[in-house]
PDB file of all heavy atoms in Angstrom:
ATOM      1  N   GLU A   1     169.747  43.560 -58.675  1.00  0.00           N
ATOM      2  CA  GLU A   1     168.622  42.779 -59.183  1.00  0.00           C
ATOM      3  C   GLU A   1     167.622  42.469 -58.113  1.00  0.00           C
ATOM      4  O   GLU A   1     167.955  42.405 -56.933  1.00  0.00           O
ATOM      5  CB  GLU A   1     169.184  41.469 -59.814  1.00  0.00           C
ATOM      6  CG  GLU A   1     169.942  41.623 -61.097  1.00  0.00           C
ATOM      7  CD  GLU A   1     169.062  42.060 -62.226  1.00  0.00           C
ATOM      8  OE1 GLU A   1     168.057  41.343 -62.494  1.00  0.00           O
ATOM      9  OE2 GLU A   1     169.343  43.049 -62.906  1.00  0.00           O
ATOM     10  N   ARG A   2     166.401  42.266 -58.536  1.00  0.00           N
ATOM     11  CA  ARG A   2     165.370  41.838 -57.585  1.00  0.00           C
ATOM     12  C   ARG A   2     165.709  40.416 -57.117  1.00  0.00           C
ATOM     13  O   ARG A   2     166.060  39.522 -57.881  1.00  0.00           O
ATOM     14  CB  ARG A   2     164.021  41.855 -58.293  1.00  0.00           C
ATOM     15  CG  ARG A   2     162.834  41.715 -57.307  1.00  0.00           C
ATOM     16  CD  ARG A   2     161.523  42.000 -58.031  1.00  0.00           C
ATOM     17  NE  ARG A   2     161.450  43.372 -58.508  1.00  0.00           N
ATOM     18  CZ  ARG A   2     160.388  43.912 -59.015  1.00  0.00           C
ATOM     19  NH1 ARG A   2     159.243  43.218 -59.170  1.00  0.00           N
ATOM     20  NH2 ARG A   2     160.419  45.176 -59.459  1.00  0.00           N
ATOM     21  N   GLU A   3     165.604  40.223 -55.788  1.00  0.00           N
ATOM     22  CA  GLU A   3     165.953  38.933 -55.217  1.00  0.00           C
ATOM     23  C   GLU A   3     164.880  38.388 -54.349  1.00  0.00           C
ATOM     24  O   GLU A   3     164.105  39.104 -53.702  1.00  0.00           O
ATOM     25  CB  GLU A   3     167.240  39.072 -54.403  1.00  0.00           C
ATOM     26  CG  GLU A   3     167.130  39.977 -53.159  1.00  0.00           C
ATOM     27  CD  GLU A   3     168.368  39.944 -52.285  1.00  0.00           C
ATOM     28  OE1 GLU A   3     169.189  39.013 -52.406  1.00  0.00           O
ATOM     29  OE2 GLU A   3     168.512  40.894 -51.442  1.00  0.00           O
ATOM     30  N   LEU A   4     164.768  37.075 -54.334  1.00  0.00           N
ATOM     31  CA  LEU A   4     163.810  36.391 -53.473  1.00  0.00           C
ATOM     32  C   LEU A   4     164.246  36.473 -52.004  1.00  0.00           C
ATOM     33  O   LEU A   4     165.387  36.154 -51.671  1.00  0.00           O
ATOM     34  CB  LEU A   4     163.674  34.934 -53.900  1.00  0.00           C
ATOM     35  CG  LEU A   4     162.758  34.054 -53.045  1.00  0.00           C
ATOM     36  CD1 LEU A   4     161.306  34.511 -53.120  1.00  0.00           C
ATOM     37  CD2 LEU A   4     162.869  32.601 -53.503  1.00  0.00           C
ATOM     38  N   VAL A   5     163.350  36.902 -51.174  1.00  0.00           N
ATOM     39  CA  VAL A   5     163.624  37.052 -49.753  1.00  0.00           C
ATOM     40  C   VAL A   5     163.028  35.917 -48.937  1.00  0.00           C
ATOM     41  O   VAL A   5     163.701  35.327 -48.089  1.00  0.00           O
ATOM     42  CB  VAL A   5     163.084  38.401 -49.199  1.00  0.00           C
ATOM     43  CG1 VAL A   5     163.282  38.510 -47.699  1.00  0.00           C
ATOM     44  CG2 VAL A   5     163.769  39.560 -49.886  1.00  0.00           C
ATOM     45  N   ALA A   6     161.763  35.614 -49.192  1.00  0.00           N
ATOM     46  CA  ALA A   6     161.100  34.575 -48.407  1.00  0.00           C
ATOM     47  C   ALA A   6     159.925  34.014 -49.237  1.00  0.00           C
ATOM     48  O   ALA A   6     159.355  34.694 -50.081  1.00  0.00           O
ATOM     49  CB  ALA A   6     160.594  35.103 -47.075  1.00  0.00           C
ATOM     50  N   ARG A   7     159.530  32.791 -48.918  1.00  0.00           N
ATOM     51  CA  ARG A   7     158.423  32.166 -49.616  1.00  0.00           C
ATOM     52  C   ARG A   7     157.663  31.254 -48.632  1.00  0.00           C
ATOM     53  O   ARG A   7     158.254  30.651 -47.748  1.00  0.00           O
ATOM     54  CB  ARG A   7     158.959  31.338 -50.782  1.00  0.00           C
ATOM     55  CG  ARG A   7     157.917  30.573 -51.573  1.00  0.00           C
ATOM     56  CD  ARG A   7     158.519  30.076 -52.899  1.00  0.00           C
ATOM     57  NE  ARG A   7     158.655  31.209 -53.847  1.00  0.00           N
ATOM     58  CZ  ARG A   7     159.457  31.218 -54.888  1.00  0.00           C
ATOM     59  NH1 ARG A   7     160.250  30.194 -55.122  1.00  0.00           N
ATOM     60  NH2 ARG A   7     159.514  32.257 -55.657  1.00  0.00           N
ATOM     61  N   VAL A   8     156.345  31.216 -48.796  1.00  0.00           N
ATOM     62  CA  VAL A   8     155.516  30.388 -47.943  1.00  0.00           C
ATOM     63  C   VAL A   8     154.508  29.620 -48.808  1.00  0.00           C
ATOM     64  O   VAL A   8     153.947  30.199 -49.752  1.00  0.00           O
ATOM     65  CB  VAL A   8     154.811  31.193 -46.831  1.00  0.00           C
ATOM     66  CG1 VAL A   8     153.899  32.258 -47.435  1.00  0.00           C
ATOM     67  CG2 VAL A   8     154.034  30.288 -45.896  1.00  0.00           C
ATOM     68  N   THR A   9     154.336  28.342 -48.511  1.00  0.00           N
ATOM     69  CA  THR A   9     153.395  27.529 -49.298  1.00  0.00           C
ATOM     70  C   THR A   9     151.968  27.896 -48.936  1.00  0.00           C
ATOM     71  O   THR A   9     151.679  28.646 -48.017  1.00  0.00           O
ATOM     72  CB  THR A   9     153.623  26.034 -49.051  1.00  0.00           C
ATOM     73  OG1 THR A   9     153.584  25.792 -47.623  1.00  0.00           O
ATOM     74  CG2 THR A   9     155.007  25.625 -49.573  1.00  0.00           C
ATOM     75  N   SER A  10     151.009  27.297 -49.679  1.00  0.00           N
ATOM     76  CA  SER A  10     149.628  27.726 -49.581  1.00  0.00           C
ATOM     77  C   SER A  10     149.031  27.541 -48.182  1.00  0.00           C
ATOM     78  O   SER A  10     148.197  28.390 -47.778  1.00  0.00           O
ATOM     79  CB  SER A  10     148.792  26.946 -50.600  1.00  0.00           C
ATOM     80  OG  SER A  10     148.864  25.547 -50.369  1.00  0.00           O
ATOM     81  N   THR A  11     149.386  26.499 -47.480  1.00  0.00           N
ATOM     82  CA  THR A  11     148.880  26.288 -46.170  1.00  0.00           C
ATOM     83  C   THR A  11     149.708  26.915 -45.074  1.00  0.00           C
ATOM     84  O   THR A  11     149.301  26.917 -43.914  1.00  0.00           O
ATOM     85  CB  THR A  11     148.777  24.789 -45.872  1.00  0.00           C
ATOM     86  OG1 THR A  11     150.092  24.226 -45.818  1.00  0.00           O
ATOM     87  CG2 THR A  11     147.953  24.089 -46.915  1.00  0.00           C
ATOM     88  N   GLY A  12     150.834  27.474 -45.423  1.00  0.00           N
ATOM     89  CA  GLY A  12     151.727  28.032 -44.422  1.00  0.00           C
ATOM     90  C   GLY A  12     152.635  27.027 -43.768  1.00  0.00           C
ATOM     91  O   GLY A  12     153.365  27.358 -42.848  1.00  0.00           O
ATOM     92  N   GLY A  13     152.552  25.772 -44.229  1.00  0.00           N
ATOM     93  CA  GLY A  13     153.298  24.696 -43.603  1.00  0.00           C
ATOM     94  C   GLY A  13     154.767  24.647 -43.919  1.00  0.00           C
ATOM     95  O   GLY A  13     155.506  23.933 -43.240  1.00  0.00           O
ATOM     96  N   SER A  14     155.190  25.333 -44.934  1.00  0.00           N
ATOM     97  CA  SER A  14     156.602  25.325 -45.335  1.00  0.00           C
ATOM     98  C   SER A  14     157.041  26.714 -45.710  1.00  0.00           C
ATOM     99  O   SER A  14     156.343  27.428 -46.421  1.00  0.00           O
ATOM    100  CB  SER A  14     156.796  24.354 -46.513  1.00  0.00           C
ATOM    101  OG  SER A  14     158.157  24.294 -46.873  1.00  0.00           O
ATOM    102  N   THR A  15     158.185  27.088 -45.238  1.00  0.00           N
ATOM    103  CA  THR A  15     158.769  28.399 -45.571  1.00  0.00           C
ATOM    104  C   THR A  15     160.209  28.257 -46.004  1.00  0.00           C
ATOM    105  O   THR A  15     160.875  27.281 -45.679  1.00  0.00           O
ATOM    106  CB  THR A  15     158.725  29.358 -44.368  1.00  0.00           C
ATOM    107  OG1 THR A  15     159.422  28.786 -43.272  1.00  0.00           O
ATOM    108  CG2 THR A  15     157.262  29.603 -43.951  1.00  0.00           C
ATOM    109  N   MET A  16     160.722  29.257 -46.732  1.00  0.00           N
ATOM    110  CA  MET A  16     162.106  29.299 -47.066  1.00  0.00           C
ATOM    111  C   MET A  16     162.552  30.750 -47.045  1.00  0.00           C
ATOM    112  O   MET A  16     161.728  31.684 -47.211  1.00  0.00           O
ATOM    113  CB  MET A  16     162.359  28.685 -48.435  1.00  0.00           C
ATOM    114  CG  MET A  16     161.743  29.400 -49.629  1.00  0.00           C
ATOM    115  SD  MET A  16     162.715  30.778 -50.298  1.00  0.00           S
ATOM    116  CE  MET A  16     164.133  29.852 -50.916  1.00  0.00           C
ATOM    117  N   TYR A  17     163.855  30.959 -46.827  1.00  0.00           N
ATOM    118  CA  TYR A  17     164.387  32.315 -46.673  1.00  0.00           C
ATOM    119  C   TYR A  17     165.749  32.424 -47.356  1.00  0.00           C
ATOM    120  O   TYR A  17     166.502  31.454 -47.436  1.00  0.00           O
ATOM    121  CB  TYR A  17     164.602  32.679 -45.199  1.00  0.00           C
ATOM    122  CG  TYR A  17     163.330  32.633 -44.371  1.00  0.00           C
ATOM    123  CD1 TYR A  17     162.938  31.443 -43.729  1.00  0.00           C
ATOM    124  CD2 TYR A  17     162.561  33.740 -44.280  1.00  0.00           C
ATOM    125  CE1 TYR A  17     161.752  31.474 -43.000  1.00  0.00           C
ATOM    126  CE2 TYR A  17     161.351  33.755 -43.560  1.00  0.00           C
ATOM    127  CZ  TYR A  17     160.967  32.579 -42.909  1.00  0.00           C
ATOM    128  OH  TYR A  17     159.814  32.573 -42.159  1.00  0.00           O
ATOM    129  N   ALA A  18     166.028  33.591 -47.851  1.00  0.00           N
ATOM    130  CA  ALA A  18     167.362  33.856 -48.345  1.00  0.00           C
ATOM    131  C   ALA A  18     168.333  33.803 -47.158  1.00  0.00           C
ATOM    132  O   ALA A  18     167.985  34.161 -46.007  1.00  0.00           O
ATOM    133  CB  ALA A  18     167.416  35.253 -48.985  1.00  0.00           C
ATOM    134  N   ASP A  19     169.535  33.374 -47.431  1.00  0.00           N
ATOM    135  CA  ASP A  19     170.536  33.267 -46.356  1.00  0.00           C
ATOM    136  C   ASP A  19     170.733  34.596 -45.631  1.00  0.00           C
ATOM    137  O   ASP A  19     171.003  34.590 -44.396  1.00  0.00           O
ATOM    138  CB  ASP A  19     171.875  32.756 -46.894  1.00  0.00           C
ATOM    139  CG  ASP A  19     171.843  31.336 -47.307  1.00  0.00           C
ATOM    140  OD1 ASP A  19     170.972  30.588 -46.848  1.00  0.00           O
ATOM    141  OD2 ASP A  19     172.758  30.891 -48.030  1.00  0.00           O
ATOM    142  N   SER A  20     170.632  35.679 -46.324  1.00  0.00           N
ATOM    143  CA  SER A  20     170.900  36.971 -45.756  1.00  0.00           C
ATOM    144  C   SER A  20     169.872  37.417 -44.699  1.00  0.00           C
ATOM    145  O   SER A  20     170.158  38.335 -43.921  1.00  0.00           O
ATOM    146  CB  SER A  20     170.973  38.048 -46.874  1.00  0.00           C
ATOM    147  OG  SER A  20     169.740  38.091 -47.593  1.00  0.00           O
ATOM    148  N   VAL A  21     168.728  36.791 -44.687  1.00  0.00           N
ATOM    149  CA  VAL A  21     167.660  37.187 -43.747  1.00  0.00           C
ATOM    150  C   VAL A  21     167.266  36.094 -42.766  1.00  0.00           C
ATOM    151  O   VAL A  21     166.430  36.325 -41.880  1.00  0.00           O
ATOM    152  CB  VAL A  21     166.422  37.689 -44.502  1.00  0.00           C
ATOM    153  CG1 VAL A  21     166.776  38.804 -45.515  1.00  0.00           C
ATOM    154  CG2 VAL A  21     165.665  36.559 -45.170  1.00  0.00           C
ATOM    155  N   LYS A  22     167.823  34.929 -42.890  1.00  0.00           N
ATOM    156  CA  LYS A  22     167.490  33.797 -41.991  1.00  0.00           C
ATOM    157  C   LYS A  22     167.764  34.201 -40.554  1.00  0.00           C
ATOM    158  O   LYS A  22     168.815  34.736 -40.223  1.00  0.00           O
ATOM    159  CB  LYS A  22     168.271  32.558 -42.350  1.00  0.00           C
ATOM    160  CG  LYS A  22     167.798  31.844 -43.602  1.00  0.00           C
ATOM    161  CD  LYS A  22     168.606  30.606 -43.893  1.00  0.00           C
ATOM    162  CE  LYS A  22     168.119  29.878 -45.141  1.00  0.00           C
ATOM    163  NZ  LYS A  22     168.945  28.747 -45.493  1.00  0.00           N
ATOM    164  N   GLY A  23     166.798  33.891 -39.687  1.00  0.00           N
ATOM    165  CA  GLY A  23     166.948  34.213 -38.305  1.00  0.00           C
ATOM    166  C   GLY A  23     166.468  35.599 -37.939  1.00  0.00           C
ATOM    167  O   GLY A  23     166.333  35.924 -36.764  1.00  0.00           O
ATOM    168  N   ARG A  24     166.227  36.438 -38.933  1.00  0.00           N
ATOM    169  CA  ARG A  24     165.786  37.812 -38.702  1.00  0.00           C
ATOM    170  C   ARG A  24     164.400  38.067 -39.264  1.00  0.00           C
ATOM    171  O   ARG A  24     163.617  38.854 -38.656  1.00  0.00           O
ATOM    172  CB  ARG A  24     166.744  38.800 -39.349  1.00  0.00           C
ATOM    173  CG  ARG A  24     168.182  38.734 -38.766  1.00  0.00           C
ATOM    174  CD  ARG A  24     169.043  39.853 -39.281  1.00  0.00           C
ATOM    175  NE  ARG A  24     169.192  39.868 -40.733  1.00  0.00           N
ATOM    176  CZ  ARG A  24     168.797  40.825 -41.526  1.00  0.00           C
ATOM    177  NH1 ARG A  24     168.242  41.891 -41.027  1.00  0.00           N
ATOM    178  NH2 ARG A  24     169.007  40.739 -42.857  1.00  0.00           N
ATOM    179  N   PHE A  25     164.044  37.483 -40.361  1.00  0.00           N
ATOM    180  CA  PHE A  25     162.754  37.702 -41.020  1.00  0.00           C
ATOM    181  C   PHE A  25     161.884  36.442 -40.886  1.00  0.00           C
ATOM    182  O   PHE A  25     162.394  35.302 -40.833  1.00  0.00           O
ATOM    183  CB  PHE A  25     162.962  37.946 -42.517  1.00  0.00           C
ATOM    184  CG  PHE A  25     163.579  39.289 -42.875  1.00  0.00           C
ATOM    185  CD1 PHE A  25     164.155  40.080 -41.926  1.00  0.00           C
ATOM    186  CD2 PHE A  25     163.545  39.711 -44.204  1.00  0.00           C
ATOM    187  CE1 PHE A  25     164.733  41.298 -42.273  1.00  0.00           C
ATOM    188  CE2 PHE A  25     164.124  40.917 -44.557  1.00  0.00           C
ATOM    189  CZ  PHE A  25     164.738  41.715 -43.577  1.00  0.00           C
ATOM    190  N   THR A  26     160.577  36.675 -40.822  1.00  0.00           N
ATOM    191  CA  THR A  26     159.617  35.629 -40.724  1.00  0.00           C
ATOM    192  C   THR A  26     158.457  35.882 -41.685  1.00  0.00           C
ATOM    193  O   THR A  26     157.811  36.963 -41.591  1.00  0.00           O
ATOM    194  CB  THR A  26     159.052  35.436 -39.317  1.00  0.00           C
ATOM    195  OG1 THR A  26     160.143  35.194 -38.424  1.00  0.00           O
ATOM    196  CG2 THR A  26     158.097  34.252 -39.276  1.00  0.00           C
ATOM    197  N   ILE A  27     158.167  34.948 -42.603  1.00  0.00           N
ATOM    198  CA  ILE A  27     157.059  35.085 -43.474  1.00  0.00           C
ATOM    199  C   ILE A  27     155.886  34.275 -42.898  1.00  0.00           C
ATOM    200  O   ILE A  27     156.103  33.181 -42.357  1.00  0.00           O
ATOM    201  CB  ILE A  27     157.383  34.651 -44.926  1.00  0.00           C
ATOM    202  CG1 ILE A  27     156.247  34.941 -45.881  1.00  0.00           C
ATOM    203  CG2 ILE A  27     157.757  33.139 -44.981  1.00  0.00           C
ATOM    204  CD1 ILE A  27     156.620  34.751 -47.364  1.00  0.00           C
ATOM    205  N   SER A  28     154.692  34.785 -43.047  1.00  0.00           N
ATOM    206  CA  SER A  28     153.530  34.098 -42.548  1.00  0.00           C
ATOM    207  C   SER A  28     152.324  34.522 -43.424  1.00  0.00           C
ATOM    208  O   SER A  28     152.421  35.455 -44.209  1.00  0.00           O
ATOM    209  CB  SER A  28     153.266  34.392 -41.067  1.00  0.00           C
ATOM    210  OG  SER A  28     153.036  35.746 -40.867  1.00  0.00           O
ATOM    211  N   ARG A  29     151.200  33.829 -43.253  1.00  0.00           N
ATOM    212  CA  ARG A  29     150.030  34.187 -44.013  1.00  0.00           C
ATOM    213  C   ARG A  29     148.781  33.896 -43.165  1.00  0.00           C
ATOM    214  O   ARG A  29     148.765  33.038 -42.327  1.00  0.00           O
ATOM    215  CB  ARG A  29     149.972  33.414 -45.353  1.00  0.00           C
ATOM    216  CG  ARG A  29     149.795  31.859 -45.193  1.00  0.00           C
ATOM    217  CD  ARG A  29     150.068  31.173 -46.514  1.00  0.00           C
ATOM    218  NE  ARG A  29     149.150  31.546 -47.522  1.00  0.00           N
ATOM    219  CZ  ARG A  29     149.319  31.451 -48.836  1.00  0.00           C
ATOM    220  NH1 ARG A  29     150.506  30.950 -49.291  1.00  0.00           N
ATOM    221  NH2 ARG A  29     148.429  31.810 -49.748  1.00  0.00           N
ATOM    222  N   ASP A  30     147.769  34.613 -43.510  1.00  0.00           N
ATOM    223  CA  ASP A  30     146.429  34.426 -42.935  1.00  0.00           C
ATOM    224  C   ASP A  30     145.446  34.262 -44.102  1.00  0.00           C
ATOM    225  O   ASP A  30     145.029  35.214 -44.720  1.00  0.00           O
ATOM    226  CB  ASP A  30     146.055  35.622 -42.043  1.00  0.00           C
ATOM    227  CG  ASP A  30     144.758  35.386 -41.288  1.00  0.00           C
ATOM    228  OD1 ASP A  30     143.954  34.512 -41.694  1.00  0.00           O
ATOM    229  OD2 ASP A  30     144.510  36.059 -40.280  1.00  0.00           O
ATOM    230  N   ASN A  31     145.130  33.017 -44.378  1.00  0.00           N
ATOM    231  CA  ASN A  31     144.293  32.726 -45.554  1.00  0.00           C
ATOM    232  C   ASN A  31     142.869  33.254 -45.370  1.00  0.00           C
ATOM    233  O   ASN A  31     142.214  33.505 -46.380  1.00  0.00           O
ATOM    234  CB  ASN A  31     144.293  31.208 -45.833  1.00  0.00           C
ATOM    235  CG  ASN A  31     145.573  30.743 -46.458  1.00  0.00           C
ATOM    236  OD1 ASN A  31     146.396  31.554 -46.921  1.00  0.00           O
ATOM    237  ND2 ASN A  31     145.791  29.434 -46.499  1.00  0.00           N
ATOM    238  N   SER A  32     142.454  33.408 -44.127  1.00  0.00           N
ATOM    239  CA  SER A  32     141.125  33.971 -43.894  1.00  0.00           C
ATOM    240  C   SER A  32     141.044  35.440 -44.216  1.00  0.00           C
ATOM    241  O   SER A  32     139.952  36.001 -44.474  1.00  0.00           O
ATOM    242  CB  SER A  32     140.675  33.751 -42.473  1.00  0.00           C
ATOM    243  OG  SER A  32     141.404  34.532 -41.551  1.00  0.00           O
ATOM    244  N   LYS A  33     142.213  36.064 -44.258  1.00  0.00           N
ATOM    245  CA  LYS A  33     142.308  37.532 -44.592  1.00  0.00           C
ATOM    246  C   LYS A  33     142.936  37.823 -45.950  1.00  0.00           C
ATOM    247  O   LYS A  33     143.103  38.988 -46.301  1.00  0.00           O
ATOM    248  CB  LYS A  33     143.070  38.251 -43.510  1.00  0.00           C
ATOM    249  CG  LYS A  33     142.461  38.235 -42.127  1.00  0.00           C
ATOM    250  CD  LYS A  33     143.278  38.989 -41.116  1.00  0.00           C
ATOM    251  CE  LYS A  33     142.609  38.991 -39.752  1.00  0.00           C
ATOM    252  NZ  LYS A  33     143.444  39.721 -38.754  1.00  0.00           N
ATOM    253  N   ASN A  34     143.316  36.738 -46.656  1.00  0.00           N
ATOM    254  CA  ASN A  34     143.989  36.913 -47.957  1.00  0.00           C
ATOM    255  C   ASN A  34     145.178  37.813 -47.879  1.00  0.00           C
ATOM    256  O   ASN A  34     145.397  38.701 -48.686  1.00  0.00           O
ATOM    257  CB  ASN A  34     143.008  37.417 -49.027  1.00  0.00           C
ATOM    258  CG  ASN A  34     142.022  36.370 -49.485  1.00  0.00           C
ATOM    259  OD1 ASN A  34     141.980  35.248 -48.962  1.00  0.00           O
ATOM    260  ND2 ASN A  34     141.219  36.704 -50.481  1.00  0.00           N
ATOM    261  N   THR A  35     145.988  37.601 -46.824  1.00  0.00           N
ATOM    262  CA  THR A  35     147.112  38.482 -46.565  1.00  0.00           C
ATOM    263  C   THR A  35     148.344  37.656 -46.218  1.00  0.00           C
ATOM    264  O   THR A  35     148.278  36.651 -45.477  1.00  0.00           O
ATOM    265  CB  THR A  35     146.792  39.400 -45.398  1.00  0.00           C
ATOM    266  OG1 THR A  35     145.619  40.188 -45.715  1.00  0.00           O
ATOM    267  CG2 THR A  35     147.956  40.359 -45.111  1.00  0.00           C
ATOM    268  N   VAL A  36     149.494  38.077 -46.736  1.00  0.00           N
ATOM    269  CA  VAL A  36     150.760  37.524 -46.428  1.00  0.00           C
ATOM    270  C   VAL A  36     151.613  38.597 -45.730  1.00  0.00           C
ATOM    271  O   VAL A  36     151.503  39.804 -46.101  1.00  0.00           O
ATOM    272  CB  VAL A  36     151.481  36.906 -47.655  1.00  0.00           C
ATOM    273  CG1 VAL A  36     151.772  37.988 -48.668  1.00  0.00           C
ATOM    274  CG2 VAL A  36     152.744  36.213 -47.224  1.00  0.00           C
TER     275      VAL A  36
END
């Protein structure tokens, strides 16, 4: 099944990760570039 890996709030101030990727993956965003 499709699973949630990571999530970031609109300002980038809060992130969450699946246990399987914590410490290895990092989600980020650049709102000036409309890119996550």
